[in-house]
C-alpha atoms as a PDB file:
ATOM      1  CA  UNK A   1    -138.400  17.053 148.907  1.00  0.00           C
ATOM      2  CA  UNK A   2    -137.689  20.531 150.243  1.00  0.00           C
ATOM      3  CA  UNK A   3    -134.033  21.212 149.474  1.00  0.00           C
ATOM      4  CA  UNK A   4    -131.944  20.015 146.556  1.00  0.00           C
ATOM      5  CA  UNK A   5    -128.315  20.565 145.558  1.00  0.00           C
ATOM      6  CA  UNK A   6    -126.411  20.469 142.285  1.00  0.00           C
ATOM      7  CA  UNK A   7    -122.749  19.750 141.553  1.00  0.00           C
ATOM      8  CA  UNK A   8    -120.504  19.212 138.545  1.00  0.00           C
ATOM      9  CA  UNK A   9    -117.857  16.516 138.623  1.00  0.00           C
ATOM     10  CA  UNK A  10    -115.086  15.103 136.444  1.00  0.00           C
ATOM     11  CA  UNK A  11    -114.028  16.794 133.223  1.00  0.00           C
ATOM     12  CA  UNK A  12    -115.873  19.994 132.341  1.00  0.00           C
ATOM     13  CA  UNK A  13    -118.094  20.127 129.268  1.00  0.00           C
ATOM     14  CA  UNK A  14    -119.813  22.992 127.421  1.00  0.00           C
ATOM     15  CA  UNK A  15    -123.447  23.080 128.498  1.00  0.00           C
ATOM     16  CA  UNK A  16    -122.839  22.289 132.154  1.00  0.00           C
ATOM     17  CA  UNK A  17    -123.781  25.867 133.053  1.00  0.00           C
ATOM     18  CA  UNK A  18    -127.002  25.559 131.084  1.00  0.00           C
ATOM     19  CA  UNK A  19    -127.808  22.407 133.084  1.00  0.00           C
ATOM     20  CA  UNK A  20    -127.019  24.141 136.400  1.00  0.00           C
ATOM     21  CA  UNK A  21    -129.267  27.040 135.384  1.00  0.00           C
ATOM     22  CA  UNK A  22    -132.110  24.667 134.519  1.00  0.00           C
ATOM     23  CA  UNK A  23    -131.827  22.771 137.802  1.00  0.00           C
ATOM     24  CA  UNK A  24    -131.754  25.946 139.896  1.00  0.00           C
ATOM     25  CA  UNK A  25    -134.603  27.742 138.184  1.00  0.00           C
ATOM     26  CA  UNK A  26    -136.798  24.639 137.952  1.00  0.00           C
ATOM     27  CA  UNK A  27    -136.227  23.927 141.637  1.00  0.00           C
ATOM     28  CA  UNK A  28    -137.177  27.471 142.587  1.00  0.00           C
ATOM     29  CA  UNK A  29    -140.219  27.325 140.307  1.00  0.00           C
ATOM     30  CA  UNK A  30    -141.334  24.157 142.099  1.00  0.00           C
ATOM     31  CA  UNK A  31    -140.977  25.840 145.511  1.00  0.00           C
ATOM     32  CA  UNK A  32    -137.724  24.153 146.511  1.00  0.00           C
ATOM     33  CA  UNK A  33    -134.635  25.552 148.167  1.00  0.00           C
ATOM     34  CA  UNK A  34    -131.623  25.043 145.894  1.00  0.00           C
ATOM     35  CA  UNK A  35    -127.988  24.739 146.972  1.00  0.00           C
ATOM     36  CA  UNK A  36    -124.851  24.782 144.857  1.00  0.00           C
ATOM     37  CA  UNK A  37    -121.855  22.568 145.633  1.00  0.00           C
ATOM     38  CA  UNK A  38    -118.470  23.894 144.561  1.00  0.00           C
ATOM     39  CA  UNK A  39    -115.614  21.698 143.276  1.00  0.00           C
ATOM     40  CA  UNK A  40    -117.600  18.494 142.888  1.00  0.00           C
ATOM     41  CA  UNK A  41    -117.358  15.704 145.438  1.00  0.00           C
ATOM     42  CA  UNK A  42    -114.277  17.311 146.956  1.00  0.00           C
ATOM     43  CA  UNK A  43    -116.234  20.454 147.754  1.00  0.00           C
ATOM     44  CA  UNK A  44    -119.122  18.357 149.033  1.00  0.00           C
ATOM     45  CA  UNK A  45    -116.889  16.614 151.558  1.00  0.00           C
ATOM     46  CA  UNK A  46    -115.444  19.974 152.641  1.00  0.00           C
ATOM     47  CA  UNK A  47    -118.861  21.601 152.997  1.00  0.00           C
ATOM     48  CA  UNK A  48    -118.430  24.091 150.140  1.00  0.00           C
ATOM     49  CA  UNK A  49    -122.163  24.595 149.777  1.00  0.00           C
ATOM     50  CA  UNK A  50    -124.094  27.817 149.261  1.00  0.00           C
ATOM     51  CA  UNK A  51    -127.687  28.765 148.573  1.00  0.00           C
ATOM     52  CA  UNK A  52    -128.565  29.714 145.014  1.00  0.00           C
ATOM     53  CA  UNK A  53    -131.299  31.930 143.605  1.00  0.00           C
ATOM     54  CA  UNK A  54    -132.418  33.004 140.142  1.00  0.00           C
ATOM     55  CA  UNK A  55    -129.745  35.681 140.041  1.00  0.00           C
ATOM     56  CA  UNK A  56    -127.052  33.068 140.798  1.00  0.00           C
ATOM     57  CA  UNK A  57    -127.525  31.610 137.340  1.00  0.00           C
ATOM     58  CA  UNK A  58    -128.167  34.786 135.361  1.00  0.00           C
ATOM     59  CA  UNK A  59    -126.124  35.180 132.167  1.00  0.00           C
ATOM     60  CA  UNK A  60    -124.443  31.766 132.364  1.00  0.00           C
ATOM     61  CA  UNK A  61    -126.299  29.758 129.699  1.00  0.00           C
ATOM     62  CA  UNK A  62    -123.819  30.906 127.034  1.00  0.00           C
ATOM     63  CA  UNK A  63    -120.685  30.308 129.110  1.00  0.00           C
ATOM     64  CA  UNK A  64    -118.451  27.276 128.767  1.00  0.00           C
ATOM     65  CA  UNK A  65    -116.980  25.376 131.699  1.00  0.00           C
ATOM     66  CA  UNK A  66    -118.866  25.297 134.995  1.00  0.00           C
ATOM     67  CA  UNK A  67    -119.504  28.130 137.445  1.00  0.00           C
ATOM     68  CA  UNK A  68    -119.514  25.548 140.234  1.00  0.00           C
ATOM     69  CA  UNK A  69    -116.053  24.379 139.154  1.00  0.00           C
ATOM     70  CA  UNK A  70    -114.983  20.765 139.254  1.00  0.00           C
ATOM     71  CA  UNK A  71    -112.257  18.651 140.842  1.00  0.00           C
ATOM     72  CA  UNK A  72    -111.109  15.068 141.194  1.00  0.00           C
ATOM     73  CA  UNK A  73    -111.525  13.596 144.672  1.00  0.00           C
ATOM     74  CA  UNK A  74    -109.616  10.563 145.901  1.00  0.00           C
ATOM     75  CA  UNK A  75    -111.182  10.815 149.368  1.00  0.00           C
ATOM     76  CA  UNK A  76    -114.659  10.292 147.948  1.00  0.00           C
ATOM     77  CA  UNK A  77    -113.548   6.885 146.640  1.00  0.00           C
ATOM     78  CA  UNK A  78    -113.347   5.699 150.251  1.00  0.00           C
ATOM     79  CA  UNK A  79    -116.383   4.652 152.280  1.00  0.00           C
ATOM     80  CA  UNK A  80    -115.413   7.134 154.988  1.00  0.00           C
ATOM     81  CA  UNK A  81    -115.290   9.961 152.461  1.00  0.00           C
ATOM     82  CA  UNK A  82    -118.710   9.108 151.054  1.00  0.00           C
ATOM     83  CA  UNK A  83    -120.259   8.954 154.512  1.00  0.00           C
ATOM     84  CA  UNK A  84    -118.788  12.348 155.270  1.00  0.00           C
ATOM     85  CA  UNK A  85    -120.325  13.711 152.063  1.00  0.00           C
ATOM     86  CA  UNK A  86    -123.728  12.266 152.967  1.00  0.00           C
ATOM     87  CA  UNK A  87    -123.504  13.773 156.433  1.00  0.00           C
ATOM     88  CA  UNK A  88    -122.645  17.189 155.006  1.00  0.00           C
ATOM     89  CA  UNK A  89    -125.771  17.060 152.838  1.00  0.00           C
ATOM     90  CA  UNK A  90    -127.804  16.101 155.900  1.00  0.00           C
ATOM     91  CA  UNK A  91    -126.376  19.021 157.885  1.00  0.00           C
ATOM     92  CA  UNK A  92    -127.459  21.430 155.131  1.00  0.00           C
ATOM     93  CA  UNK A  93    -130.901  19.821 154.962  1.00  0.00           C
ATOM     94  CA  UNK A  94    -130.404  18.590 151.391  1.00  0.00           C
ATOM     95  CA  UNK A  95    -132.811  15.821 150.385  1.00  0.00           C
ATOM     96  CA  UNK A  96    -131.848  15.425 146.723  1.00  0.00           C
ATOM     97  CA  UNK A  97    -128.693  15.857 144.673  1.00  0.00           C
ATOM     98  CA  UNK A  98    -128.254  16.422 140.926  1.00  0.00           C
ATOM     99  CA  UNK A  99    -124.839  15.293 139.663  1.00  0.00           C
ATOM    100  CA  UNK A 100    -123.634  16.532 136.270  1.00  0.00           C
ATOM    101  CA  UNK A 101    -120.704  14.547 134.873  1.00  0.00           C
ATOM    102  CA  UNK A 102    -119.573  11.307 133.278  1.00  0.00           C
ATOM    103  CA  UNK A 103    -119.537   7.653 134.309  1.00  0.00           C
ATOM    104  CA  UNK A 104    -117.197   8.234 137.252  1.00  0.00           C
ATOM    105  CA  UNK A 105    -119.496  10.943 138.570  1.00  0.00           C
ATOM    106  CA  UNK A 106    -122.455   8.597 138.156  1.00  0.00           C
ATOM    107  CA  UNK A 107    -120.704   5.914 140.201  1.00  0.00           C
ATOM    108  CA  UNK A 108    -120.415   8.501 142.975  1.00  0.00           C
ATOM    109  CA  UNK A 109    -124.103   9.352 142.741  1.00  0.00           C
ATOM    110  CA  UNK A 110    -124.936   5.670 142.806  1.00  0.00           C
ATOM    111  CA  UNK A 111    -122.972   5.151 146.039  1.00  0.00           C
ATOM    112  CA  UNK A 112    -124.500   8.231 147.681  1.00  0.00           C
ATOM    113  CA  UNK A 113    -127.950   6.902 146.851  1.00  0.00           C
ATOM    114  CA  UNK A 114    -127.166   3.782 148.865  1.00  0.00           C
ATOM    115  CA  UNK A 115    -126.443   6.059 151.831  1.00  0.00           C
ATOM    116  CA  UNK A 116    -129.935   7.535 151.683  1.00  0.00           C
ATOM    117  CA  UNK A 117    -129.361  10.537 149.385  1.00  0.00           C
ATOM    118  CA  UNK A 118    -131.786  10.863 146.460  1.00  0.00           C
ATOM    119  CA  UNK A 119    -129.563  11.303 143.394  1.00  0.00           C
ATOM    120  CA  UNK A 120    -130.131  12.037 139.710  1.00  0.00           C
ATOM    121  CA  UNK A 121    -127.322  12.110 137.129  1.00  0.00           C
ATOM    122  CA  UNK A 122    -127.018  14.291 134.027  1.00  0.00           C
ATOM    123  CA  UNK A 123    -124.525  13.194 131.321  1.00  0.00           C
ATOM    124  CA  UNK A 124    -121.964  15.984 130.985  1.00  0.00           C
ATOM    125  CA  UNK A 125    -118.985  14.828 128.904  1.00  0.00           C
ATOM    126  CA  UNK A 126    -117.661  15.712 125.451  1.00  0.00           C
ATOM    127  CA  UNK A 127    -116.692  12.089 124.709  1.00  0.00           C
ATOM    128  CA  UNK A 128    -120.289  10.888 124.173  1.00  0.00           C
ATOM    129  CA  UNK A 129    -119.195   7.636 125.819  1.00  0.00           C
ATOM    130  CA  UNK A 130    -122.319   6.752 127.834  1.00  0.00           C
ATOM    131  CA  UNK A 131    -124.167   3.913 126.108  1.00  0.00           C
ATOM    132  CA  UNK A 132    -127.633   4.586 127.531  1.00  0.00           C
ATOM    133  CA  UNK A 133    -128.011   7.983 125.813  1.00  0.00           C
ATOM    134  CA  UNK A 134    -127.688   9.006 122.172  1.00  0.00           C
ATOM    135  CA  UNK A 135    -125.854  12.207 123.070  1.00  0.00           C
ATOM    136  CA  UNK A 136    -124.188  13.733 126.111  1.00  0.00           C
ATOM    137  CA  UNK A 137    -124.096  17.394 127.110  1.00  0.00           C
ATOM    138  CA  UNK A 138    -121.035  19.004 125.506  1.00  0.00           C
ATOM    139  CA  UNK A 139    -120.520  16.584 122.625  1.00  0.00           C
ATOM    140  CA  UNK A 140    -122.099  18.778 119.964  1.00  0.00           C
ATOM    141  CA  UNK A 141    -120.069  21.821 121.006  1.00  0.00           C
ATOM    142  CA  UNK A 142    -116.814  19.838 121.064  1.00  0.00           C
ATOM    143  CA  UNK A 143    -117.637  18.458 117.620  1.00  0.00           C
ATOM    144  CA  UNK A 144    -118.082  21.969 116.249  1.00  0.00           C
ATOM    145  CA  UNK A 145    -114.821  23.059 117.882  1.00  0.00           C
ATOM    146  CA  UNK A 146    -113.024  20.211 116.106  1.00  0.00           C
ATOM    147  CA  UNK A 147    -114.706  21.112 112.815  1.00  0.00           C
ATOM    148  CA  UNK A 148    -113.560  24.708 113.091  1.00  0.00           C
ATOM    149  CA  UNK A 149    -109.985  23.515 113.646  1.00  0.00           C
ATOM    150  CA  UNK A 150    -109.901  21.036 110.774  1.00  0.00           C
ATOM    151  CA  UNK A 151    -111.443  23.552 108.383  1.00  0.00           C
ATOM    152  CA  UNK A 152    -108.417  25.755 109.037  1.00  0.00           C
ATOM    153  CA  UNK A 153    -105.971  22.862 108.899  1.00  0.00           C
ATOM    154  CA  UNK A 154    -107.322  21.768 105.536  1.00  0.00           C
ATOM    155  CA  UNK A 155    -106.372  25.142 104.040  1.00  0.00           C
ATOM    156  CA  UNK A 156    -102.717  24.850 104.988  1.00  0.00           C
ATOM    157  CA  UNK A 157    -102.606  21.095 104.349  1.00  0.00           C
ATOM    158  CA  UNK A 158    -103.842  21.629 100.788  1.00  0.00           C
ATOM    159  CA  UNK A 159    -101.403  24.489 100.214  1.00  0.00           C
ATOM    160  CA  UNK A 160     -98.427  22.296 101.127  1.00  0.00           C
ATOM    161  CA  UNK A 161     -99.864  19.012  99.766  1.00  0.00           C
ATOM    162  CA  UNK A 162     -99.465  17.381 103.155  1.00  0.00           C
ATOM    163  CA  UNK A 163    -101.093  14.689 105.212  1.00  0.00           C
ATOM    164  CA  UNK A 164    -102.549  16.165 108.387  1.00  0.00           C
ATOM    165  CA  UNK A 165    -103.125  13.923 111.424  1.00  0.00           C
ATOM    166  CA  UNK A 166    -105.516  15.546 113.909  1.00  0.00           C
ATOM    167  CA  UNK A 167    -105.719  14.014 117.383  1.00  0.00           C
ATOM    168  CA  UNK A 168    -108.996  14.546 119.238  1.00  0.00           C
ATOM    169  CA  UNK A 169    -110.246  13.414 122.630  1.00  0.00           C
ATOM    170  CA  UNK A 170    -111.760   9.977 123.149  1.00  0.00           C
ATOM    171  CA  UNK A 171    -109.855   7.310 125.082  1.00  0.00           C
ATOM    172  CA  UNK A 172    -112.397   4.517 124.722  1.00  0.00           C
ATOM    173  CA  UNK A 173    -114.984   6.128 122.467  1.00  0.00           C
ATOM    174  CA  UNK A 174    -114.262   7.318 118.933  1.00  0.00           C
ATOM    175  CA  UNK A 175    -117.473   9.277 118.363  1.00  0.00           C
ATOM    176  CA  UNK A 176    -115.769  12.672 118.307  1.00  0.00           C
ATOM    177  CA  UNK A 177    -113.250  11.510 115.688  1.00  0.00           C
ATOM    178  CA  UNK A 178    -115.856   9.660 113.623  1.00  0.00           C
ATOM    179  CA  UNK A 179    -118.459  12.431 113.592  1.00  0.00           C
ATOM    180  CA  UNK A 180    -115.798  15.054 112.844  1.00  0.00           C
ATOM    181  CA  UNK A 181    -114.390  12.960 110.000  1.00  0.00           C
ATOM    182  CA  UNK A 182    -117.789  12.748 108.303  1.00  0.00           C
ATOM    183  CA  UNK A 183    -118.864  16.335 108.963  1.00  0.00           C
ATOM    184  CA  UNK A 184    -115.425  17.693 108.076  1.00  0.00           C
ATOM    185  CA  UNK A 185    -114.956  15.693 104.902  1.00  0.00           C
ATOM    186  CA  UNK A 186    -111.830  13.983 106.229  1.00  0.00           C
ATOM    187  CA  UNK A 187    -110.129  11.110 104.464  1.00  0.00           C
ATOM    188  CA  UNK A 188    -110.181   8.814 107.451  1.00  0.00           C
ATOM    189  CA  UNK A 189    -111.136   8.208 111.076  1.00  0.00           C
ATOM    190  CA  UNK A 190    -108.944   6.125 113.374  1.00  0.00           C
ATOM    191  CA  UNK A 191    -111.024   5.075 116.374  1.00  0.00           C
ATOM    192  CA  UNK A 192    -110.442   2.717 119.331  1.00  0.00           C
ATOM    193  CA  UNK A 193    -113.465   0.578 118.455  1.00  0.00           C
ATOM    194  CA  UNK A 194    -111.937  -0.431 115.122  1.00  0.00           C
ATOM    195  CA  UNK A 195    -108.216   0.163 115.482  1.00  0.00           C
ATOM    196  CA  UNK A 196    -106.098   0.392 112.344  1.00  0.00           C
ATOM    197  CA  UNK A 197    -103.164  -1.081 110.460  1.00  0.00           C
ATOM    198  CA  UNK A 198    -100.463   1.396 109.459  1.00  0.00           C
ATOM    199  CA  UNK A 199     -99.841  -0.278 106.089  1.00  0.00           C
ATOM    200  CA  UNK A 200    -103.518  -0.172 105.179  1.00  0.00           C
ATOM    201  CA  UNK A 201    -103.752   3.499 106.136  1.00  0.00           C
ATOM    202  CA  UNK A 202    -100.701   4.343 104.045  1.00  0.00           C
ATOM    203  CA  UNK A 203    -102.018   2.364 101.059  1.00  0.00           C
ATOM    204  CA  UNK A 204    -105.208   4.396 101.236  1.00  0.00           C
ATOM    205  CA  UNK A 205    -103.252   7.664 101.302  1.00  0.00           C
ATOM    206  CA  UNK A 206    -101.071   6.616  98.340  1.00  0.00           C
ATOM    207  CA  UNK A 207    -104.089   5.400  96.369  1.00  0.00           C
ATOM    208  CA  UNK A 208    -105.676   8.790  96.870  1.00  0.00           C
ATOM    209  CA  UNK A 209    -102.532  10.496  95.599  1.00  0.00           C
ATOM    210  CA  UNK A 210    -102.606   8.378  92.424  1.00  0.00           C
ATOM    211  CA  UNK A 211    -106.174   9.556  91.853  1.00  0.00           C
ATOM    212  CA  UNK A 212    -105.008  13.148  92.026  1.00  0.00           C
ATOM    213  CA  UNK A 213    -105.717  13.880  95.659  1.00  0.00           C
ATOM    214  CA  UNK A 214    -103.250  16.542  96.792  1.00  0.00           C
ATOM    215  CA  UNK A 215    -103.728  16.350 100.584  1.00  0.00           C
ATOM    216  CA  UNK A 216    -105.198  14.115 103.305  1.00  0.00           C
ATOM    217  CA  UNK A 217    -106.889  14.801 106.620  1.00  0.00           C
ATOM    218  CA  UNK A 218    -107.006  11.962 109.161  1.00  0.00           C
ATOM    219  CA  UNK A 219    -108.916  12.152 112.476  1.00  0.00           C
ATOM    220  CA  UNK A 220    -107.297  10.171 115.292  1.00  0.00           C
ATOM    221  CA  UNK A 221    -108.946   9.401 118.624  1.00  0.00           C
ATOM    222  CA  UNK A 222    -106.432   9.712 121.474  1.00  0.00           C
ATOM    223  CA  UNK A 223    -107.209   6.196 122.713  1.00  0.00           C
ATOM    224  CA  UNK A 224    -105.635   4.648 119.616  1.00  0.00           C
ATOM    225  CA  UNK A 225    -102.238   6.322 119.934  1.00  0.00           C
ATOM    226  CA  UNK A 226    -100.349   9.572 119.554  1.00  0.00           C
ATOM    227  CA  UNK A 227    -100.619  11.823 116.514  1.00  0.00           C
ATOM    228  CA  UNK A 228     -96.905  12.630 116.473  1.00  0.00           C
ATOM    229  CA  UNK A 229     -95.887   8.973 116.320  1.00  0.00           C
ATOM    230  CA  UNK A 230     -98.457   8.209 113.627  1.00  0.00           C
ATOM    231  CA  UNK A 231     -97.363  11.206 111.542  1.00  0.00           C
ATOM    232  CA  UNK A 232     -93.740  10.044 111.640  1.00  0.00           C
ATOM    233  CA  UNK A 233     -94.689   6.548 110.455  1.00  0.00           C
ATOM    234  CA  UNK A 234     -96.943   7.818 107.673  1.00  0.00           C
ATOM    235  CA  UNK A 235     -94.254  10.160 106.349  1.00  0.00           C
ATOM    236  CA  UNK A 236     -91.605   7.451 106.553  1.00  0.00           C
ATOM    237  CA  UNK A 237     -93.717   4.940 104.606  1.00  0.00           C
ATOM    238  CA  UNK A 238     -95.405   7.211 102.053  1.00  0.00           C
ATOM    239  CA  UNK A 239     -92.724   9.842 101.586  1.00  0.00           C
ATOM    240  CA  UNK A 240     -95.450  12.494 101.855  1.00  0.00           C
ATOM    241  CA  UNK A 241     -94.862  15.359 104.283  1.00  0.00           C
ATOM    242  CA  UNK A 242     -97.072  14.697 107.306  1.00  0.00           C
ATOM    243  CA  UNK A 243     -97.901  16.958 110.229  1.00  0.00           C
ATOM    244  CA  UNK A 244     -99.600  16.229 113.552  1.00  0.00           C
ATOM    245  CA  UNK A 245    -101.987  18.523 115.393  1.00  0.00           C
ATOM    246  CA  UNK A 246    -103.177  17.715 118.919  1.00  0.00           C
ATOM    247  CA  UNK A 247    -106.258  19.764 119.784  1.00  0.00           C
ATOM    248  CA  UNK A 248    -106.190  18.893 123.485  1.00  0.00           C
ATOM    249  CA  UNK A 249    -108.305  20.764 126.013  1.00  0.00           C
ATOM    250  CA  UNK A 250    -109.449  23.383 123.531  1.00  0.00           C
ATOM    251  CA  UNK A 251    -112.191  20.827 122.784  1.00  0.00           C
ATOM    252  CA  UNK A 252    -113.663  21.251 126.259  1.00  0.00           C
ATOM    253  CA  UNK A 253    -113.973  25.021 126.154  1.00  0.00           C
ATOM    254  CA  UNK A 254    -116.080  27.585 124.368  1.00  0.00           C
ATOM    255  CA  UNK A 255    -119.648  28.762 124.376  1.00  0.00           C
ATOM    256  CA  UNK A 256    -122.036  25.773 124.130  1.00  0.00           C
ATOM    257  CA  UNK A 257    -123.936  25.235 120.903  1.00  0.00           C
ATOM    258  CA  UNK A 258    -127.674  25.784 120.706  1.00  0.00           C
ATOM    259  CA  UNK A 259    -128.206  22.016 120.715  1.00  0.00           C
ATOM    260  CA  UNK A 260    -126.203  21.565 123.920  1.00  0.00           C
ATOM    261  CA  UNK A 261    -128.017  24.446 125.635  1.00  0.00           C
ATOM    262  CA  UNK A 262    -131.417  22.980 124.812  1.00  0.00           C
ATOM    263  CA  UNK A 263    -130.384  19.425 125.720  1.00  0.00           C
ATOM    264  CA  UNK A 264    -128.966  20.571 129.068  1.00  0.00           C
ATOM    265  CA  UNK A 265    -132.066  22.632 129.814  1.00  0.00           C
ATOM    266  CA  UNK A 266    -134.440  19.759 129.102  1.00  0.00           C
ATOM    267  CA  UNK A 267    -132.391  17.362 131.198  1.00  0.00           C
ATOM    268  CA  UNK A 268    -132.106  19.793 134.106  1.00  0.00           C
ATOM    269  CA  UNK A 269    -135.879  20.218 134.299  1.00  0.00           C
ATOM    270  CA  UNK A 270    -136.390  16.455 134.113  1.00  0.00           C
ATOM    271  CA  UNK A 271    -133.897  15.849 136.942  1.00  0.00           C
ATOM    272  CA  UNK A 272    -135.710  18.152 139.369  1.00  0.00           C
ATOM    273  CA  UNK A 273    -139.096  16.689 138.547  1.00  0.00           C
ATOM    274  CA  UNK A 274    -137.793  13.163 139.165  1.00  0.00           C
ATOM    275  CA  UNK A 275    -136.524  14.187 142.605  1.00  0.00           C
ATOM    276  CA  UNK A 276    -139.901  15.693 143.434  1.00  0.00           C
ATOM    277  CA  UNK A 277    -141.532  12.419 142.356  1.00  0.00           C
ATOM    278  CA  UNK A 278    -139.355  10.635 144.913  1.00  0.00           C
ATOM    279  CA  UNK A 279    -137.082   8.963 142.362  1.00  0.00           C
ATOM    280  CA  UNK A 280    -133.454   8.229 143.135  1.00  0.00           C
ATOM    281  CA  UNK A 281    -130.416   6.565 141.543  1.00  0.00           C
ATOM    282  CA  UNK A 282    -131.567   7.581 138.058  1.00  0.00           C
ATOM    283  CA  UNK A 283    -129.743   9.090 135.094  1.00  0.00           C
ATOM    284  CA  UNK A 284    -131.221  11.294 132.384  1.00  0.00           C
ATOM    285  CA  UNK A 285    -130.590  10.666 128.690  1.00  0.00           C
ATOM    286  CA  UNK A 286    -131.970  11.283 125.227  1.00  0.00           C
ATOM    287  CA  UNK A 287    -133.089   8.578 122.813  1.00  0.00           C
ATOM    288  CA  UNK A 288    -134.707   9.283 119.495  1.00  0.00           C
ATOM    289  CA  UNK A 289    -135.074  12.939 120.489  1.00  0.00           C
ATOM    290  CA  UNK A 290    -137.019  11.983 123.636  1.00  0.00           C
ATOM    291  CA  UNK A 291    -135.748  12.730 127.151  1.00  0.00           C
ATOM    292  CA  UNK A 292    -135.669   9.486 129.159  1.00  0.00           C
ATOM    293  CA  UNK A 293    -134.487   8.298 132.563  1.00  0.00           C
ATOM    294  CA  UNK A 294    -132.934   5.026 133.616  1.00  0.00           C
ATOM    295  CA  UNK A 295    -131.604   3.293 136.707  1.00  0.00           C
ATOM    296  CA  UNK A 296    -127.935   4.146 137.247  1.00  0.00           C
ATOM    297  CA  UNK A 297    -126.913   0.502 137.715  1.00  0.00           C
ATOM    298  CA  UNK A 298    -128.596  -0.510 134.475  1.00  0.00           C
ATOM    299  CA  UNK A 299    -127.207   2.472 132.577  1.00  0.00           C
ATOM    300  CA  UNK A 300    -123.622   1.845 133.651  1.00  0.00           C
ATOM    301  CA  UNK A 301    -123.919  -1.884 132.919  1.00  0.00           C
ATOM    302  CA  UNK A 302    -124.951  -1.368 129.289  1.00  0.00           C
ATOM    303  CA  UNK A 303    -122.237  -2.524 126.886  1.00  0.00           C
ATOM    304  CA  UNK A 304    -120.658   0.103 124.692  1.00  0.00           C
ATOM    305  CA  UNK A 305    -122.011  -0.114 121.143  1.00  0.00           C
ATOM    306  CA  UNK A 306    -120.310   1.273 118.058  1.00  0.00           C
ATOM    307  CA  UNK A 307    -122.172   2.681 115.067  1.00  0.00           C
ATOM    308  CA  UNK A 308    -120.864   0.422 112.326  1.00  0.00           C
ATOM    309  CA  UNK A 309    -123.152   2.019 109.746  1.00  0.00           C
ATOM    310  CA  UNK A 310    -121.741   5.470 110.468  1.00  0.00           C
ATOM    311  CA  UNK A 311    -118.204   4.103 110.227  1.00  0.00           C
ATOM    312  CA  UNK A 312    -119.023   2.593 106.835  1.00  0.00           C
ATOM    313  CA  UNK A 313    -120.468   5.925 105.705  1.00  0.00           C
ATOM    314  CA  UNK A 314    -117.168   7.541 106.709  1.00  0.00           C
ATOM    315  CA  UNK A 315    -115.250   5.004 104.623  1.00  0.00           C
ATOM    316  CA  UNK A 316    -117.478   5.428 101.559  1.00  0.00           C
ATOM    317  CA  UNK A 317    -117.319   9.217 101.610  1.00  0.00           C
ATOM    318  CA  UNK A 318    -113.610   9.534 102.394  1.00  0.00           C
ATOM    319  CA  UNK A 319    -112.342   9.243  98.779  1.00  0.00           C
END
C-alpha cells in the first residue's frame, strides 16, 4: 500500500470533513501518498483527483459539509462506469480507497473491491440507518440541530396553545425523530418502524388537553408522511390550532458536534490502518463505544432493528 484516496458520496453529513482530515493525516503519518477525489464516484470516473497534504485539511475539522463535495452518479451504477473508475484509480497509482457515505456509497465500494481496488467504508449519514453500527457520522450533529429548532418552536407553540408537527429526515429510519422527541421533551414521535393511527394520536392530544396541557410537540419522520397533511387532519379532528414545520436540509448543515468530530477521527485512522494491513471490502462502525470493522456484504445484509425500549421510554415520558 503506497497510495490511497478518499472520497465522499451520497448526502453530505456534518463530520465528513473531520473524517477526511483523519484519513489524510493518518496516511501521511504512515508514509503513504494521499489523493482526494472530488464529487464522489462521478468525479472518480472523470478523473477529478488531486494530491493532498497536511495543509489540504487544515482548519476543516469544524466545518460542515464536505470539502471534497459530493454528487450522485448514474454512470457508476453501470459495469462500464465502475470499470472506468477502477482504471482511473490505477492510472493515478491508487491502491486503496476510503469511501465516506451511506449504504449506497458502500454498495459502490463493495463493487469496486471486486474489481481489485482495496476499499474501506466510513458511515457518513445523518439518518443513523446502518444496522451494523450504533451511530453514524453526522447523526449527533443533526440531532442537536433538530433540538435547537424544537426548543424555539416550543416557545411559540406554548404562547398560542397550538399543536406543532415537526417533520425531520428519516425515510426508513426514525432514529432522528425518536431521539429528538426524548431529548426535546416532545409529546410524541411518529416513526416509520411503528407507524401511527390518526385517531389514536388525536385522542392522546385531547387527553393531554384535559389534563391541563396547553400545547403539544410531535416529531414526524419524513418516511411516515407529510407534516402539512398531518397538521390539517389533527386540527380538523381535535379543533386545536395545529402548525407544521419541515426542517429539511438544515439538518445536514452546521459545524459538527464534538462527538461527531471524535467519532469521524477515530474511524478515519482505523480505515487507513486497515488498508495498510491489506484489508478490503470492510466498513468501520462503533459498538458499545468501541471502533469495529466488518465485511461490507455482512454489514449491508444485517436486518434493520428498532429500539423498542427507547420507543417505550418516549411514550412513558411524553405526558
